[in-house]
Full PDB file with SEQRES, HELIX, SHEET, SSBOND, CRYST1, ORIGX, SCALE, CONECT and MASTER records, all heavy atoms in Angstrom:
SEQRES   1 A   41  PHE GLU HIS THR GLN GLN TYR ALA SER ASN PRO LEU MET          
SEQRES   2 A   41  ALA PRO PRO GLY GLY SER VAL SER ALA ALA GLU ALA ARG          
SEQRES   3 A   41  GLU LEU VAL GLU TYR ALA ARG LEU TYR HIS ILE ASP VAL          
SEQRES   4 A   41  VAL PRO                                                      
HELIX    1 AA1 ALA A   22  ARG A   33  1                                  12    
CRYST1    1.000    1.000    1.000  90.00  90.00  90.00 P 1           1          
ORIGX1      1.000000  0.000000  0.000000        0.00000                         
ORIGX2      0.000000  1.000000  0.000000        0.00000                         
ORIGX3      0.000000  0.000000  1.000000        0.00000                         
SCALE1      1.000000  0.000000  0.000000        0.00000                         
SCALE2      0.000000  1.000000  0.000000        0.00000                         
SCALE3      0.000000  0.000000  1.000000        0.00000                         
ATOM      1  N   PHE A   1     -15.019  22.477  40.926  1.00  0.00           N  
ATOM      2  CA  PHE A   1     -16.058  23.318  41.575  1.00  0.00           C  
ATOM      3  C   PHE A   1     -16.426  24.552  40.708  1.00  0.00           C  
ATOM      4  O   PHE A   1     -15.471  25.224  40.237  1.00  0.00           O  
ATOM      5  CB  PHE A   1     -15.477  23.847  42.944  1.00  0.00           C  
ATOM      6  CG  PHE A   1     -15.236  22.891  43.979  1.00  0.00           C  
ATOM      7  CD1 PHE A   1     -13.957  22.821  44.626  1.00  0.00           C  
ATOM      8  CD2 PHE A   1     -16.184  21.848  44.377  1.00  0.00           C  
ATOM      9  CE1 PHE A   1     -13.708  21.836  45.445  1.00  0.00           C  
ATOM     10  CE2 PHE A   1     -15.923  20.923  45.334  1.00  0.00           C  
ATOM     11  CZ  PHE A   1     -14.587  20.949  45.908  1.00  0.00           C  
ATOM     12  N   GLU A   2     -17.687  24.810  40.589  1.00  0.00           N  
ATOM     13  CA  GLU A   2     -18.113  26.061  40.093  1.00  0.00           C  
ATOM     14  C   GLU A   2     -18.733  26.836  41.225  1.00  0.00           C  
ATOM     15  O   GLU A   2     -18.367  27.952  41.456  1.00  0.00           O  
ATOM     16  CB  GLU A   2     -19.186  25.923  38.990  1.00  0.00           C  
ATOM     17  CG  GLU A   2     -18.548  25.285  37.710  1.00  0.00           C  
ATOM     18  CD  GLU A   2     -19.631  25.047  36.530  1.00  0.00           C  
ATOM     19  OE1 GLU A   2     -20.755  25.356  36.775  1.00  0.00           O  
ATOM     20  OE2 GLU A   2     -19.205  24.504  35.570  1.00  0.00           O  
ATOM     21  N   HIS A   3     -19.623  26.154  42.006  1.00  0.00           N  
ATOM     22  CA  HIS A   3     -20.313  26.769  43.181  1.00  0.00           C  
ATOM     23  C   HIS A   3     -20.529  25.796  44.362  1.00  0.00           C  
ATOM     24  O   HIS A   3     -21.184  26.195  45.290  1.00  0.00           O  
ATOM     25  CB  HIS A   3     -21.649  27.402  42.648  1.00  0.00           C  
ATOM     26  CG  HIS A   3     -22.628  26.281  42.168  1.00  0.00           C  
ATOM     27  ND1 HIS A   3     -22.303  25.316  41.251  1.00  0.00           N  
ATOM     28  CD2 HIS A   3     -23.874  25.822  42.642  1.00  0.00           C  
ATOM     29  CE1 HIS A   3     -23.363  24.534  41.054  1.00  0.00           C  
ATOM     30  NE2 HIS A   3     -24.307  24.822  41.947  1.00  0.00           N  
ATOM     31  N   THR A   4     -19.765  24.764  44.251  1.00  0.00           N  
ATOM     32  CA  THR A   4     -20.198  23.676  45.227  1.00  0.00           C  
ATOM     33  C   THR A   4     -19.148  23.531  46.244  1.00  0.00           C  
ATOM     34  O   THR A   4     -19.357  22.465  47.141  1.00  0.00           O  
ATOM     35  CB  THR A   4     -20.435  22.357  44.519  1.00  0.00           C  
ATOM     36  OG1 THR A   4     -19.498  22.083  43.618  1.00  0.00           O  
ATOM     37  CG2 THR A   4     -21.814  22.339  43.771  1.00  0.00           C  
ATOM     38  N   GLN A   5     -18.138  24.331  46.374  1.00  0.00           N  
ATOM     39  CA  GLN A   5     -17.260  24.416  47.588  1.00  0.00           C  
ATOM     40  C   GLN A   5     -17.830  25.503  48.500  1.00  0.00           C  
ATOM     41  O   GLN A   5     -18.084  26.537  48.087  1.00  0.00           O  
ATOM     42  CB  GLN A   5     -15.814  24.570  47.247  1.00  0.00           C  
ATOM     43  CG  GLN A   5     -14.828  24.896  48.294  1.00  0.00           C  
ATOM     44  CD  GLN A   5     -14.652  23.632  49.212  1.00  0.00           C  
ATOM     45  OE1 GLN A   5     -14.099  22.680  48.715  1.00  0.00           O  
ATOM     46  NE2 GLN A   5     -14.870  23.823  50.524  1.00  0.00           N  
ATOM     47  N   GLN A   6     -17.920  25.207  49.730  1.00  0.00           N  
ATOM     48  CA  GLN A   6     -18.436  26.208  50.758  1.00  0.00           C  
ATOM     49  C   GLN A   6     -17.398  27.222  51.050  1.00  0.00           C  
ATOM     50  O   GLN A   6     -16.192  26.793  51.289  1.00  0.00           O  
ATOM     51  CB  GLN A   6     -19.060  25.615  51.901  1.00  0.00           C  
ATOM     52  CG  GLN A   6     -20.250  24.695  51.682  1.00  0.00           C  
ATOM     53  CD  GLN A   6     -20.683  24.003  52.946  1.00  0.00           C  
ATOM     54  OE1 GLN A   6     -20.352  24.262  54.066  1.00  0.00           O  
ATOM     55  NE2 GLN A   6     -21.470  22.927  52.811  1.00  0.00           N  
ATOM     56  N   TYR A   7     -17.652  28.475  51.011  1.00  0.00           N  
ATOM     57  CA  TYR A   7     -16.684  29.464  51.454  1.00  0.00           C  
ATOM     58  C   TYR A   7     -17.220  30.372  52.478  1.00  0.00           C  
ATOM     59  O   TYR A   7     -18.329  30.986  52.315  1.00  0.00           O  
ATOM     60  CB  TYR A   7     -16.314  30.431  50.216  1.00  0.00           C  
ATOM     61  CG  TYR A   7     -15.581  29.662  49.080  1.00  0.00           C  
ATOM     62  CD1 TYR A   7     -16.257  29.401  47.909  1.00  0.00           C  
ATOM     63  CD2 TYR A   7     -14.317  29.197  49.201  1.00  0.00           C  
ATOM     64  CE1 TYR A   7     -15.539  28.757  46.764  1.00  0.00           C  
ATOM     65  CE2 TYR A   7     -13.734  28.594  48.188  1.00  0.00           C  
ATOM     66  CZ  TYR A   7     -14.346  28.334  46.942  1.00  0.00           C  
ATOM     67  OH  TYR A   7     -13.674  27.621  45.974  1.00  0.00           O  
ATOM     68  N   ALA A   8     -16.486  30.468  53.494  1.00  0.00           N  
ATOM     69  CA  ALA A   8     -16.924  31.341  54.675  1.00  0.00           C  
ATOM     70  C   ALA A   8     -17.004  32.845  54.183  1.00  0.00           C  
ATOM     71  O   ALA A   8     -17.940  33.617  54.542  1.00  0.00           O  
ATOM     72  CB  ALA A   8     -15.996  31.299  55.825  1.00  0.00           C  
ATOM     73  N   SER A   9     -16.052  33.270  53.245  1.00  0.00           N  
ATOM     74  CA  SER A   9     -16.063  34.592  52.736  1.00  0.00           C  
ATOM     75  C   SER A   9     -17.183  34.910  51.841  1.00  0.00           C  
ATOM     76  O   SER A   9     -17.524  36.111  51.663  1.00  0.00           O  
ATOM     77  CB  SER A   9     -14.637  34.933  52.078  1.00  0.00           C  
ATOM     78  OG  SER A   9     -14.513  33.959  50.986  1.00  0.00           O  
ATOM     79  N   ASN A  10     -17.784  33.929  51.225  1.00  0.00           N  
ATOM     80  CA  ASN A  10     -18.811  34.075  50.225  1.00  0.00           C  
ATOM     81  C   ASN A  10     -19.851  33.060  50.427  1.00  0.00           C  
ATOM     82  O   ASN A  10     -19.996  32.063  49.578  1.00  0.00           O  
ATOM     83  CB  ASN A  10     -18.286  33.978  48.773  1.00  0.00           C  
ATOM     84  CG  ASN A  10     -17.405  35.212  48.387  1.00  0.00           C  
ATOM     85  OD1 ASN A  10     -17.890  36.174  48.053  1.00  0.00           O  
ATOM     86  ND2 ASN A  10     -16.090  35.010  48.636  1.00  0.00           N  
ATOM     87  N   PRO A  11     -20.674  33.151  51.466  1.00  0.00           N  
ATOM     88  CA  PRO A  11     -21.568  31.956  51.932  1.00  0.00           C  
ATOM     89  C   PRO A  11     -22.832  31.805  50.892  1.00  0.00           C  
ATOM     90  O   PRO A  11     -23.403  30.803  51.109  1.00  0.00           O  
ATOM     91  CB  PRO A  11     -21.995  32.354  53.233  1.00  0.00           C  
ATOM     92  CG  PRO A  11     -21.819  33.856  53.288  1.00  0.00           C  
ATOM     93  CD  PRO A  11     -20.633  34.191  52.467  1.00  0.00           C  
ATOM     94  N   LEU A  12     -23.156  32.683  50.064  1.00  0.00           N  
ATOM     95  CA  LEU A  12     -24.236  32.616  49.282  1.00  0.00           C  
ATOM     96  C   LEU A  12     -24.197  31.555  48.215  1.00  0.00           C  
ATOM     97  O   LEU A  12     -25.133  30.972  47.761  1.00  0.00           O  
ATOM     98  CB  LEU A  12     -24.624  33.858  48.540  1.00  0.00           C  
ATOM     99  CG  LEU A  12     -25.088  35.027  49.368  1.00  0.00           C  
ATOM    100  CD1 LEU A  12     -25.414  36.243  48.514  1.00  0.00           C  
ATOM    101  CD2 LEU A  12     -26.545  34.629  50.066  1.00  0.00           C  
ATOM    102  N   MET A  13     -23.036  31.267  47.696  1.00  0.00           N  
ATOM    103  CA  MET A  13     -22.757  30.531  46.466  1.00  0.00           C  
ATOM    104  C   MET A  13     -23.199  28.983  46.607  1.00  0.00           C  
ATOM    105  O   MET A  13     -23.875  28.431  45.808  1.00  0.00           O  
ATOM    106  CB  MET A  13     -21.333  30.499  46.123  1.00  0.00           C  
ATOM    107  CG  MET A  13     -20.904  31.980  45.720  1.00  0.00           C  
ATOM    108  SD  MET A  13     -19.122  32.017  45.298  1.00  0.00           S  
ATOM    109  CE  MET A  13     -18.865  33.694  44.726  1.00  0.00           C  
ATOM    110  N   ALA A  14     -22.716  28.329  47.640  1.00  0.00           N  
ATOM    111  CA  ALA A  14     -22.913  26.891  47.790  1.00  0.00           C  
ATOM    112  C   ALA A  14     -24.334  26.518  48.158  1.00  0.00           C  
ATOM    113  O   ALA A  14     -24.918  26.963  49.085  1.00  0.00           O  
ATOM    114  CB  ALA A  14     -21.982  26.332  48.748  1.00  0.00           C  
ATOM    115  N   PRO A  15     -24.946  25.624  47.357  1.00  0.00           N  
ATOM    116  CA  PRO A  15     -26.286  25.217  47.626  1.00  0.00           C  
ATOM    117  C   PRO A  15     -26.394  24.252  48.894  1.00  0.00           C  
ATOM    118  O   PRO A  15     -25.448  23.406  49.052  1.00  0.00           O  
ATOM    119  CB  PRO A  15     -26.661  24.337  46.374  1.00  0.00           C  
ATOM    120  CG  PRO A  15     -25.401  23.862  45.839  1.00  0.00           C  
ATOM    121  CD  PRO A  15     -24.436  24.975  46.190  1.00  0.00           C  
ATOM    122  N   PRO A  16     -27.392  24.371  49.741  1.00  0.00           N  
ATOM    123  CA  PRO A  16     -27.521  23.517  50.880  1.00  0.00           C  
ATOM    124  C   PRO A  16     -27.730  22.111  50.470  1.00  0.00           C  
ATOM    125  O   PRO A  16     -28.451  21.814  49.583  1.00  0.00           O  
ATOM    126  CB  PRO A  16     -28.864  24.016  51.510  1.00  0.00           C  
ATOM    127  CG  PRO A  16     -28.934  25.452  50.988  1.00  0.00           C  
ATOM    128  CD  PRO A  16     -28.414  25.481  49.637  1.00  0.00           C  
ATOM    129  N   GLY A  17     -26.944  21.167  51.016  1.00  0.00           N  
ATOM    130  CA  GLY A  17     -27.076  19.785  50.735  1.00  0.00           C  
ATOM    131  C   GLY A  17     -26.368  19.369  49.522  1.00  0.00           C  
ATOM    132  O   GLY A  17     -26.291  18.222  49.302  1.00  0.00           O  
ATOM    133  N   GLY A  18     -25.866  20.277  48.740  1.00  0.00           N  
ATOM    134  CA  GLY A  18     -25.107  20.016  47.577  1.00  0.00           C  
ATOM    135  C   GLY A  18     -23.770  20.579  47.376  1.00  0.00           C  
ATOM    136  O   GLY A  18     -23.347  20.988  46.317  1.00  0.00           O  
ATOM    137  N   SER A  19     -23.043  20.770  48.495  1.00  0.00           N  
ATOM    138  CA  SER A  19     -21.739  21.358  48.543  1.00  0.00           C  
ATOM    139  C   SER A  19     -20.794  20.709  49.556  1.00  0.00           C  
ATOM    140  O   SER A  19     -21.270  19.914  50.394  1.00  0.00           O  
ATOM    141  CB  SER A  19     -21.911  22.871  48.754  1.00  0.00           C  
ATOM    142  OG  SER A  19     -22.564  23.042  50.004  1.00  0.00           O  
ATOM    143  N   VAL A  20     -19.561  20.969  49.331  1.00  0.00           N  
ATOM    144  CA  VAL A  20     -18.457  20.431  50.160  1.00  0.00           C  
ATOM    145  C   VAL A  20     -18.099  21.429  51.267  1.00  0.00           C  
ATOM    146  O   VAL A  20     -17.685  22.541  50.957  1.00  0.00           O  
ATOM    147  CB  VAL A  20     -17.212  20.091  49.279  1.00  0.00           C  
ATOM    148  CG1 VAL A  20     -16.091  19.561  50.097  1.00  0.00           C  
ATOM    149  CG2 VAL A  20     -17.655  18.968  48.114  1.00  0.00           C  
ATOM    150  N   SER A  21     -18.131  21.008  52.506  1.00  0.00           N  
ATOM    151  CA  SER A  21     -17.801  21.810  53.637  1.00  0.00           C  
ATOM    152  C   SER A  21     -16.386  21.871  53.892  1.00  0.00           C  
ATOM    153  O   SER A  21     -15.568  20.977  53.351  1.00  0.00           O  
ATOM    154  CB  SER A  21     -18.470  21.454  54.909  1.00  0.00           C  
ATOM    155  OG  SER A  21     -17.944  20.150  55.370  1.00  0.00           O  
ATOM    156  N   ALA A  22     -15.853  22.864  54.654  1.00  0.00           N  
ATOM    157  CA  ALA A  22     -14.442  22.821  54.937  1.00  0.00           C  
ATOM    158  C   ALA A  22     -13.980  21.625  55.717  1.00  0.00           C  
ATOM    159  O   ALA A  22     -12.863  21.059  55.480  1.00  0.00           O  
ATOM    160  CB  ALA A  22     -14.110  24.196  55.798  1.00  0.00           C  
ATOM    161  N   ALA A  23     -14.830  21.171  56.678  1.00  0.00           N  
ATOM    162  CA  ALA A  23     -14.570  20.010  57.422  1.00  0.00           C  
ATOM    163  C   ALA A  23     -14.408  18.798  56.558  1.00  0.00           C  
ATOM    164  O   ALA A  23     -13.429  17.976  56.765  1.00  0.00           O  
ATOM    165  CB  ALA A  23     -15.589  19.746  58.482  1.00  0.00           C  
ATOM    166  N   GLU A  24     -15.210  18.627  55.579  1.00  0.00           N  
ATOM    167  CA  GLU A  24     -15.112  17.453  54.568  1.00  0.00           C  
ATOM    168  C   GLU A  24     -13.919  17.575  53.776  1.00  0.00           C  
ATOM    169  O   GLU A  24     -13.264  16.522  53.479  1.00  0.00           O  
ATOM    170  CB  GLU A  24     -16.368  17.427  53.671  1.00  0.00           C  
ATOM    171  CG  GLU A  24     -17.659  17.022  54.286  1.00  0.00           C  
ATOM    172  CD  GLU A  24     -18.912  17.219  53.473  1.00  0.00           C  
ATOM    173  OE1 GLU A  24     -19.059  18.175  52.705  1.00  0.00           O  
ATOM    174  OE2 GLU A  24     -19.682  16.181  53.445  1.00  0.00           O  
ATOM    175  N   ALA A  25     -13.574  18.760  53.306  1.00  0.00           N  
ATOM    176  CA  ALA A  25     -12.308  18.990  52.515  1.00  0.00           C  
ATOM    177  C   ALA A  25     -11.099  18.539  53.333  1.00  0.00           C  
ATOM    178  O   ALA A  25     -10.261  17.697  52.808  1.00  0.00           O  
ATOM    179  CB  ALA A  25     -12.193  20.290  52.221  1.00  0.00           C  
ATOM    180  N   ARG A  26     -11.030  18.952  54.540  1.00  0.00           N  
ATOM    181  CA  ARG A  26      -9.963  18.551  55.394  1.00  0.00           C  
ATOM    182  C   ARG A  26      -9.830  17.011  55.531  1.00  0.00           C  
ATOM    183  O   ARG A  26      -8.692  16.421  55.567  1.00  0.00           O  
ATOM    184  CB  ARG A  26      -9.968  19.246  56.785  1.00  0.00           C  
ATOM    185  CG  ARG A  26      -9.785  20.854  56.670  1.00  0.00           C  
ATOM    186  CD  ARG A  26      -9.637  21.380  58.031  1.00  0.00           C  
ATOM    187  NE  ARG A  26      -9.581  22.827  57.988  1.00  0.00           N  
ATOM    188  CZ  ARG A  26     -10.608  23.670  58.202  1.00  0.00           C  
ATOM    189  NH1 ARG A  26     -11.757  23.053  58.457  1.00  0.00           N  
ATOM    190  NH2 ARG A  26     -10.500  24.829  58.145  1.00  0.00           N  
ATOM    191  N   GLU A  27     -11.018  16.496  55.798  1.00  0.00           N  
ATOM    192  CA  GLU A  27     -11.112  15.009  56.070  1.00  0.00           C  
ATOM    193  C   GLU A  27     -10.574  14.221  54.841  1.00  0.00           C  
ATOM    194  O   GLU A  27      -9.794  13.239  55.092  1.00  0.00           O  
ATOM    195  CB  GLU A  27     -12.364  14.623  56.574  1.00  0.00           C  
ATOM    196  CG  GLU A  27     -12.523  13.149  56.954  1.00  0.00           C  
ATOM    197  CD  GLU A  27     -13.845  12.833  57.577  1.00  0.00           C  
ATOM    198  OE1 GLU A  27     -14.675  13.740  58.065  1.00  0.00           O  
ATOM    199  OE2 GLU A  27     -14.122  11.544  57.626  1.00  0.00           O  
ATOM    200  N   LEU A  28     -11.093  14.602  53.650  1.00  0.00           N  
ATOM    201  CA  LEU A  28     -10.660  13.848  52.511  1.00  0.00           C  
ATOM    202  C   LEU A  28      -9.178  14.032  52.222  1.00  0.00           C  
ATOM    203  O   LEU A  28      -8.451  13.065  51.746  1.00  0.00           O  
ATOM    204  CB  LEU A  28     -11.498  14.300  51.307  1.00  0.00           C  
ATOM    205  CG  LEU A  28     -11.322  13.302  50.092  1.00  0.00           C  
ATOM    206  CD1 LEU A  28     -11.901  11.956  50.384  1.00  0.00           C  
ATOM    207  CD2 LEU A  28     -11.912  14.022  48.879  1.00  0.00           C  
ATOM    208  N   VAL A  29      -8.624  15.214  52.436  1.00  0.00           N  
ATOM    209  CA  VAL A  29      -7.232  15.489  52.150  1.00  0.00           C  
ATOM    210  C   VAL A  29      -6.344  14.571  53.002  1.00  0.00           C  
ATOM    211  O   VAL A  29      -5.387  14.010  52.564  1.00  0.00           O  
ATOM    212  CB  VAL A  29      -6.853  16.946  52.373  1.00  0.00           C  
ATOM    213  CG1 VAL A  29      -5.376  17.198  52.417  1.00  0.00           C  
ATOM    214  CG2 VAL A  29      -7.568  17.857  51.274  1.00  0.00           C  
ATOM    215  N   GLU A  30      -6.765  14.602  54.281  1.00  0.00           N  
ATOM    216  CA  GLU A  30      -5.914  13.735  55.267  1.00  0.00           C  
ATOM    217  C   GLU A  30      -6.101  12.233  54.852  1.00  0.00           C  
ATOM    218  O   GLU A  30      -5.084  11.484  54.932  1.00  0.00           O  
ATOM    219  CB  GLU A  30      -6.429  13.931  56.706  1.00  0.00           C  
ATOM    220  CG  GLU A  30      -5.552  13.235  57.748  1.00  0.00           C  
ATOM    221  CD  GLU A  30      -4.124  13.663  57.749  1.00  0.00           C  
ATOM    222  OE1 GLU A  30      -3.759  14.757  57.250  1.00  0.00           O  
ATOM    223  OE2 GLU A  30      -3.304  12.920  58.172  1.00  0.00           O  
ATOM    224  N   TYR A  31      -7.290  11.845  54.507  1.00  0.00           N  
ATOM    225  CA  TYR A  31      -7.485  10.442  54.106  1.00  0.00           C  
ATOM    226  C   TYR A  31      -6.722  10.096  52.814  1.00  0.00           C  
ATOM    227  O   TYR A  31      -6.133   8.970  52.835  1.00  0.00           O  
ATOM    228  CB  TYR A  31      -8.991  10.146  53.855  1.00  0.00           C  
ATOM    229  CG  TYR A  31      -9.339   8.731  53.650  1.00  0.00           C  
ATOM    230  CD1 TYR A  31      -9.734   7.939  54.758  1.00  0.00           C  
ATOM    231  CD2 TYR A  31      -9.500   8.237  52.300  1.00  0.00           C  
ATOM    232  CE1 TYR A  31      -9.948   6.593  54.539  1.00  0.00           C  
ATOM    233  CE2 TYR A  31      -9.953   6.935  52.103  1.00  0.00           C  
ATOM    234  CZ  TYR A  31     -10.134   6.094  53.222  1.00  0.00           C  
ATOM    235  OH  TYR A  31     -10.520   4.816  53.000  1.00  0.00           O  
ATOM    236  N   ALA A  32      -6.716  10.936  51.937  1.00  0.00           N  
ATOM    237  CA  ALA A  32      -6.026  10.694  50.594  1.00  0.00           C  
ATOM    238  C   ALA A  32      -4.575  10.641  50.819  1.00  0.00           C  
ATOM    239  O   ALA A  32      -3.802   9.941  50.081  1.00  0.00           O  
ATOM    240  CB  ALA A  32      -6.360  11.680  49.620  1.00  0.00           C  
ATOM    241  N   ARG A  33      -4.003  11.452  51.828  1.00  0.00           N  
ATOM    242  CA  ARG A  33      -2.625  11.415  51.985  1.00  0.00           C  
ATOM    243  C   ARG A  33      -2.103  10.038  52.290  1.00  0.00           C  
ATOM    244  O   ARG A  33      -1.024   9.599  51.913  1.00  0.00           O  
ATOM    245  CB  ARG A  33      -2.196  12.432  53.204  1.00  0.00           C  
ATOM    246  CG  ARG A  33      -0.777  12.559  53.462  1.00  0.00           C  
ATOM    247  CD  ARG A  33      -0.598  13.350  54.728  1.00  0.00           C  
ATOM    248  NE  ARG A  33      -1.302  12.760  55.920  1.00  0.00           N  
ATOM    249  CZ  ARG A  33      -0.761  11.776  56.506  1.00  0.00           C  
ATOM    250  NH1 ARG A  33       0.416  11.235  56.225  1.00  0.00           N  
ATOM    251  NH2 ARG A  33      -1.419  11.271  57.608  1.00  0.00           N  
ATOM    252  N   LEU A  34      -2.817   9.289  53.035  1.00  0.00           N  
ATOM    253  CA  LEU A  34      -2.446   7.964  53.343  1.00  0.00           C  
ATOM    254  C   LEU A  34      -2.303   6.988  52.269  1.00  0.00           C  
ATOM    255  O   LEU A  34      -1.446   6.095  52.213  1.00  0.00           O  
ATOM    256  CB  LEU A  34      -3.486   7.277  54.355  1.00  0.00           C  
ATOM    257  CG  LEU A  34      -3.828   7.911  55.656  1.00  0.00           C  
ATOM    258  CD1 LEU A  34      -4.955   7.313  56.376  1.00  0.00           C  
ATOM    259  CD2 LEU A  34      -2.569   7.839  56.612  1.00  0.00           C  
ATOM    260  N   TYR A  35      -3.069   7.414  51.058  1.00  0.00           N  
ATOM    261  CA  TYR A  35      -2.920   6.618  49.877  1.00  0.00           C  
ATOM    262  C   TYR A  35      -2.091   7.226  48.814  1.00  0.00           C  
ATOM    263  O   TYR A  35      -2.215   6.858  47.668  1.00  0.00           O  
ATOM    264  CB  TYR A  35      -4.340   6.415  49.410  1.00  0.00           C  
ATOM    265  CG  TYR A  35      -5.239   5.461  50.260  1.00  0.00           C  
ATOM    266  CD1 TYR A  35      -5.962   6.043  51.344  1.00  0.00           C  
ATOM    267  CD2 TYR A  35      -5.348   4.115  50.061  1.00  0.00           C  
ATOM    268  CE1 TYR A  35      -6.742   5.179  52.099  1.00  0.00           C  
ATOM    269  CE2 TYR A  35      -6.035   3.317  50.829  1.00  0.00           C  
ATOM    270  CZ  TYR A  35      -6.759   3.780  51.847  1.00  0.00           C  
ATOM    271  OH  TYR A  35      -7.428   2.961  52.693  1.00  0.00           O  
ATOM    272  N   HIS A  36      -1.280   8.207  49.123  1.00  0.00           N  
ATOM    273  CA  HIS A  36      -0.352   8.819  48.198  1.00  0.00           C  
ATOM    274  C   HIS A  36      -1.064   9.714  47.167  1.00  0.00           C  
ATOM    275  O   HIS A  36      -0.555   9.641  45.929  1.00  0.00           O  
ATOM    276  CB  HIS A  36       0.666   7.893  47.668  1.00  0.00           C  
ATOM    277  CG  HIS A  36       1.453   7.064  48.746  1.00  0.00           C  
ATOM    278  ND1 HIS A  36       2.571   7.543  49.345  1.00  0.00           N  
ATOM    279  CD2 HIS A  36       1.244   6.000  49.494  1.00  0.00           C  
ATOM    280  CE1 HIS A  36       3.046   6.779  50.185  1.00  0.00           C  
ATOM    281  NE2 HIS A  36       2.241   5.812  50.393  1.00  0.00           N  
ATOM    282  N   ILE A  37      -2.132  10.262  47.467  1.00  0.00           N  
ATOM    283  CA  ILE A  37      -2.944  11.021  46.644  1.00  0.00           C  
ATOM    284  C   ILE A  37      -3.010  12.416  47.065  1.00  0.00           C  
ATOM    285  O   ILE A  37      -3.431  12.726  48.172  1.00  0.00           O  
ATOM    286  CB  ILE A  37      -4.259  10.509  46.303  1.00  0.00           C  
ATOM    287  CG1 ILE A  37      -4.293   9.117  45.604  1.00  0.00           C  
ATOM    288  CG2 ILE A  37      -5.249  11.354  45.675  1.00  0.00           C  
ATOM    289  CD1 ILE A  37      -5.584   8.503  45.341  1.00  0.00           C  
ATOM    290  N   ASP A  38      -2.662  13.429  46.157  1.00  0.00           N  
ATOM    291  CA  ASP A  38      -2.861  14.805  46.493  1.00  0.00           C  
ATOM    292  C   ASP A  38      -4.381  15.184  45.993  1.00  0.00           C  
ATOM    293  O   ASP A  38      -4.756  14.848  44.849  1.00  0.00           O  
ATOM    294  CB  ASP A  38      -1.908  15.679  45.770  1.00  0.00           C  
ATOM    295  CG  ASP A  38      -0.578  15.703  46.333  1.00  0.00           C  
ATOM    296  OD1 ASP A  38      -0.568  15.663  47.762  1.00  0.00           O  
ATOM    297  OD2 ASP A  38       0.439  15.714  45.792  1.00  0.00           O  
ATOM    298  N   VAL A  39      -5.146  15.856  46.801  1.00  0.00           N  
ATOM    299  CA  VAL A  39      -6.343  16.343  46.352  1.00  0.00           C  
ATOM    300  C   VAL A  39      -6.219  17.844  45.931  1.00  0.00           C  
ATOM    301  O   VAL A  39      -5.805  18.627  46.771  1.00  0.00           O  
ATOM    302  CB  VAL A  39      -7.439  16.191  47.629  1.00  0.00           C  
ATOM    303  CG1 VAL A  39      -8.826  16.770  47.068  1.00  0.00           C  
ATOM    304  CG2 VAL A  39      -7.512  14.814  48.088  1.00  0.00           C  
ATOM    305  N   VAL A  40      -6.531  18.097  44.748  1.00  0.00           N  
ATOM    306  CA  VAL A  40      -6.315  19.343  44.096  1.00  0.00           C  
ATOM    307  C   VAL A  40      -7.667  20.063  43.846  1.00  0.00           C  
ATOM    308  O   VAL A  40      -8.517  19.427  43.105  1.00  0.00           O  
ATOM    309  CB  VAL A  40      -5.472  19.237  42.780  1.00  0.00           C  
ATOM    310  CG1 VAL A  40      -5.275  20.578  42.141  1.00  0.00           C  
ATOM    311  CG2 VAL A  40      -4.104  18.577  43.081  1.00  0.00           C  
ATOM    312  N   PRO A  41      -7.939  21.205  44.476  1.00  0.00           N  
ATOM    313  CA  PRO A  41      -9.319  21.831  44.122  1.00  0.00           C  
ATOM    314  C   PRO A  41      -9.205  22.519  42.848  1.00  0.00           C  
ATOM    315  O   PRO A  41      -8.222  23.219  42.646  1.00  0.00           O  
ATOM    316  CB  PRO A  41      -9.469  22.716  45.409  1.00  0.00           C  
ATOM    317  CG  PRO A  41      -8.026  23.190  45.712  1.00  0.00           C  
ATOM    318  CD  PRO A  41      -7.155  21.843  45.437  1.00  0.00           C  
TER     319      PRO A  41                                                      
MASTER        0    0    0    1    0    0    0    6  318    1    0    4          
END                                                                             
């Protein structure tokens, strides 16, 4: 990520439609855990 992770503390950075939300991050982390993969930002 340079500017495509969404941050509640800095909402200007992430472009609409082109960024990863907090909910998406949590969902992928949980999904990857099943496959023995750590998601590292």
